[in-house]
C-alpha atoms as a PDB file:
ATOM      1  CA  MET A   1      93.699  96.630 108.231  1.00  0.00           C
ATOM      2  CA  VAL A   2      91.686  93.716 106.913  1.00  0.00           C
ATOM      3  CA  LEU A   3      93.575  90.559 107.742  1.00  0.00           C
ATOM      4  CA  GLY A   4      90.823  87.982 108.297  1.00  0.00           C
ATOM      5  CA  SER A   5      90.590  86.909 104.661  1.00  0.00           C
ATOM      6  CA  TYR A   6      94.366  86.664 104.452  1.00  0.00           C
ATOM      7  CA  LEU A   7      94.592  84.224 107.359  1.00  0.00           C
ATOM      8  CA  ASN A   8      92.830  81.611 105.238  1.00  0.00           C
ATOM      9  CA  ASN A   9      95.778  81.710 102.822  1.00  0.00           C
ATOM     10  CA  VAL A  10      98.693  81.272 105.239  1.00  0.00           C
ATOM     11  CA  ILE A  11     101.285  78.944 103.752  1.00  0.00           C
ATOM     12  CA  GLN A  12     101.323  75.518 105.387  1.00  0.00           C
ATOM     13  CA  GLU A  13     103.980  72.860 104.969  1.00  0.00           C
ATOM     14  CA  GLY A  14     102.737  69.612 106.470  1.00  0.00           C
ATOM     15  CA  ASP A  15     102.010  70.313 110.116  1.00  0.00           C
ATOM     16  CA  LEU A  16     104.332  73.319 110.171  1.00  0.00           C
ATOM     17  CA  ILE A  17     102.514  76.630 109.890  1.00  0.00           C
ATOM     18  CA  MET A  18     104.568  79.424 108.377  1.00  0.00           C
ATOM     19  CA  SER A  19     103.971  82.778 110.043  1.00  0.00           C
ATOM     20  CA  VAL A  20     104.359  85.919 107.981  1.00  0.00           C
ATOM     21  CA  CYS A  21     105.087  89.562 108.718  1.00  0.00           C
ATOM     22  CA  PRO A  22     102.193  91.781 107.599  1.00  0.00           C
ATOM     23  CA  VAL A  23     104.626  94.617 106.786  1.00  0.00           C
ATOM     24  CA  CYS A  24     107.117  92.522 104.780  1.00  0.00           C
ATOM     25  CA  ASN A  25     104.244  91.047 102.783  1.00  0.00           C
ATOM     26  CA  SER A  26     102.507  94.404 102.148  1.00  0.00           C
ATOM     27  CA  LEU A  27      99.349  93.380 103.996  1.00  0.00           C
ATOM     28  CA  VAL A  28      99.343  96.647 105.939  1.00  0.00           C
ATOM     29  CA  THR A  29     100.710 100.114 105.394  1.00  0.00           C
ATOM     30  CA  VAL A  30     102.580 101.703 108.276  1.00  0.00           C
ATOM     31  CA  SER A  31     103.133 105.416 108.629  1.00  0.00           C
ATOM     32  CA  LYS A  32     105.307 106.754 111.418  1.00  0.00           C
ATOM     33  CA  ASN A  33     106.411 110.317 112.097  1.00  0.00           C
ATOM     34  CA  CYS A  34     109.824 111.137 113.480  1.00  0.00           C
ATOM     35  CA  PRO A  35     109.643 112.030 117.179  1.00  0.00           C
ATOM     36  CA  LEU A  36     112.485 114.557 116.737  1.00  0.00           C
ATOM     37  CA  CYS A  37     111.535 116.561 113.650  1.00  0.00           C
ATOM     38  CA  GLY A  38     108.027 115.356 112.732  1.00  0.00           C
ATOM     39  CA  CYS A  39     108.907 114.220 109.190  1.00  0.00           C
ATOM     40  CA  SER A  40     107.498 111.019 107.780  1.00  0.00           C
ATOM     41  CA  MET A  41     109.814 108.062 108.462  1.00  0.00           C
ATOM     42  CA  TYR A  42     110.347 105.250 105.973  1.00  0.00           C
ATOM     43  CA  ASP A  43     110.632 101.506 106.508  1.00  0.00           C
ATOM     44  CA  ALA A  44     114.261 100.601 105.757  1.00  0.00           C
ATOM     45  CA  GLY A  45     113.516  96.876 106.076  1.00  0.00           C
ATOM     46  CA  VAL A  46     113.967  94.091 108.609  1.00  0.00           C
ATOM     47  CA  ILE A  47     116.625  94.623 111.261  1.00  0.00           C
ATOM     48  CA  GLN A  48     118.441  91.408 110.318  1.00  0.00           C
ATOM     49  CA  ASP A  49     119.476  93.013 107.020  1.00  0.00           C
ATOM     50  CA  PHE A  50     121.715  95.368 108.976  1.00  0.00           C
ATOM     51  CA  TYR A  51     123.541  92.788 111.147  1.00  0.00           C
ATOM     52  CA  ASP A  52     126.442  92.172 108.770  1.00  0.00           C
ATOM     53  CA  ASN A  53     127.365  92.017 105.072  1.00  0.00           C
ATOM     54  CA  TYR A  54     125.686  88.648 104.451  1.00  0.00           C
ATOM     55  CA  SER A  55     122.688  88.673 106.801  1.00  0.00           C
ATOM     56  CA  ALA A  56     120.256  89.889 104.130  1.00  0.00           C
ATOM     57  CA  PHE A  57     120.996  86.776 102.075  1.00  0.00           C
ATOM     58  CA  LEU A  58     120.557  84.187 104.845  1.00  0.00           C
ATOM     59  CA  GLU A  59     117.406  82.498 106.125  1.00  0.00           C
ATOM     60  CA  GLN A  60     115.483  84.634 108.607  1.00  0.00           C
ATOM     61  CA  GLU A  61     115.205  81.735 111.056  1.00  0.00           C
ATOM     62  CA  ILE A  62     118.946  81.991 111.719  1.00  0.00           C
ATOM     63  CA  TYR A  63     118.403  85.401 113.278  1.00  0.00           C
ATOM     64  CA  GLU A  64     115.292  84.601 115.324  1.00  0.00           C
ATOM     65  CA  ASP A  65     117.275  84.859 118.527  1.00  0.00           C
ATOM     66  CA  GLY A  66     115.146  87.397 120.396  1.00  0.00           C
ATOM     67  CA  TYR A  67     117.579  90.250 119.783  1.00  0.00           C
ATOM     68  CA  ARG A  68     115.499  93.437 119.833  1.00  0.00           C
ATOM     69  CA  SER A  69     112.405  91.188 120.014  1.00  0.00           C
ATOM     70  CA  TYR A  70     113.187  89.581 116.618  1.00  0.00           C
ATOM     71  CA  SER A  71     111.739  86.097 116.976  1.00  0.00           C
ATOM     72  CA  HIS A  72     109.364  83.628 115.382  1.00  0.00           C
ATOM     73  CA  ASP A  73     106.493  85.724 116.807  1.00  0.00           C
ATOM     74  CA  PHE A  74     107.760  89.197 115.880  1.00  0.00           C
ATOM     75  CA  CYS A  75     109.451  90.811 112.896  1.00  0.00           C
ATOM     76  CA  VAL A  76     111.469  93.935 113.690  1.00  0.00           C
ATOM     77  CA  HIS A  77     111.806  96.694 111.108  1.00  0.00           C
ATOM     78  CA  LEU A  78     114.138  99.664 111.075  1.00  0.00           C
ATOM     79  CA  PHE A  79     112.311 102.951 110.505  1.00  0.00           C
ATOM     80  CA  ALA A  80     114.487 105.922 109.529  1.00  0.00           C
ATOM     81  CA  CYS A  81     113.937 109.635 109.106  1.00  0.00           C
ATOM     82  CA  PRO A  82     115.308 111.045 105.825  1.00  0.00           C
ATOM     83  CA  SER A  83     115.490 114.533 107.321  1.00  0.00           C
ATOM     84  CA  CYS A  84     117.327 114.232 110.658  1.00  0.00           C
ATOM     85  CA  HIS A  85     118.568 110.611 110.277  1.00  0.00           C
ATOM     86  CA  PHE A  86     116.926 109.417 113.508  1.00  0.00           C
ATOM     87  CA  ASP A  87     116.126 105.704 113.408  1.00  0.00           C
ATOM     88  CA  THR A  88     114.181 103.326 115.596  1.00  0.00           C
ATOM     89  CA  ASN A  89     113.170  99.669 115.677  1.00  0.00           C
ATOM     90  CA  VAL A  90     109.489  98.782 115.422  1.00  0.00           C
ATOM     91  CA  LYS A  91     108.276  95.243 116.045  1.00  0.00           C
ATOM     92  CA  PHE A  92     105.285  93.681 114.283  1.00  0.00           C
ATOM     93  CA  ARG A  93     103.535  90.499 115.342  1.00  0.00           C
ATOM     94  CA  ARG A  94     103.731  87.848 112.658  1.00  0.00           C
ATOM     95  CA  LEU A  95     100.441  86.394 111.419  1.00  0.00           C
ATOM     96  CA  ASN A  96      99.607  82.716 111.435  1.00  0.00           C
ATOM     97  CA  LYS A  97      96.524  80.624 111.105  1.00  0.00           C
ATOM     98  CA  SER A  98      95.047  79.747 114.476  1.00  0.00           C
END
């Protein structure tokens, strides 16, 4: 994971620094094996997309309520196994310019 050069390009709006998820923005590749069957799990996306029928279309900030560690500091992804259908939440620290 080489993230240092990316941190120089973090989007800034005035004094507000926008933090970004390295997984959502394809800055890193994550591979995770299923703890039950050993198959490779896939990233099904951010957990907020599974809250209700409209959550995928709303601003992420609405859902930064700390539920399952989803906050301004962390982005939570749902990883699922295509073989045994086991799923788990994995949190990733968002990147920002410090």
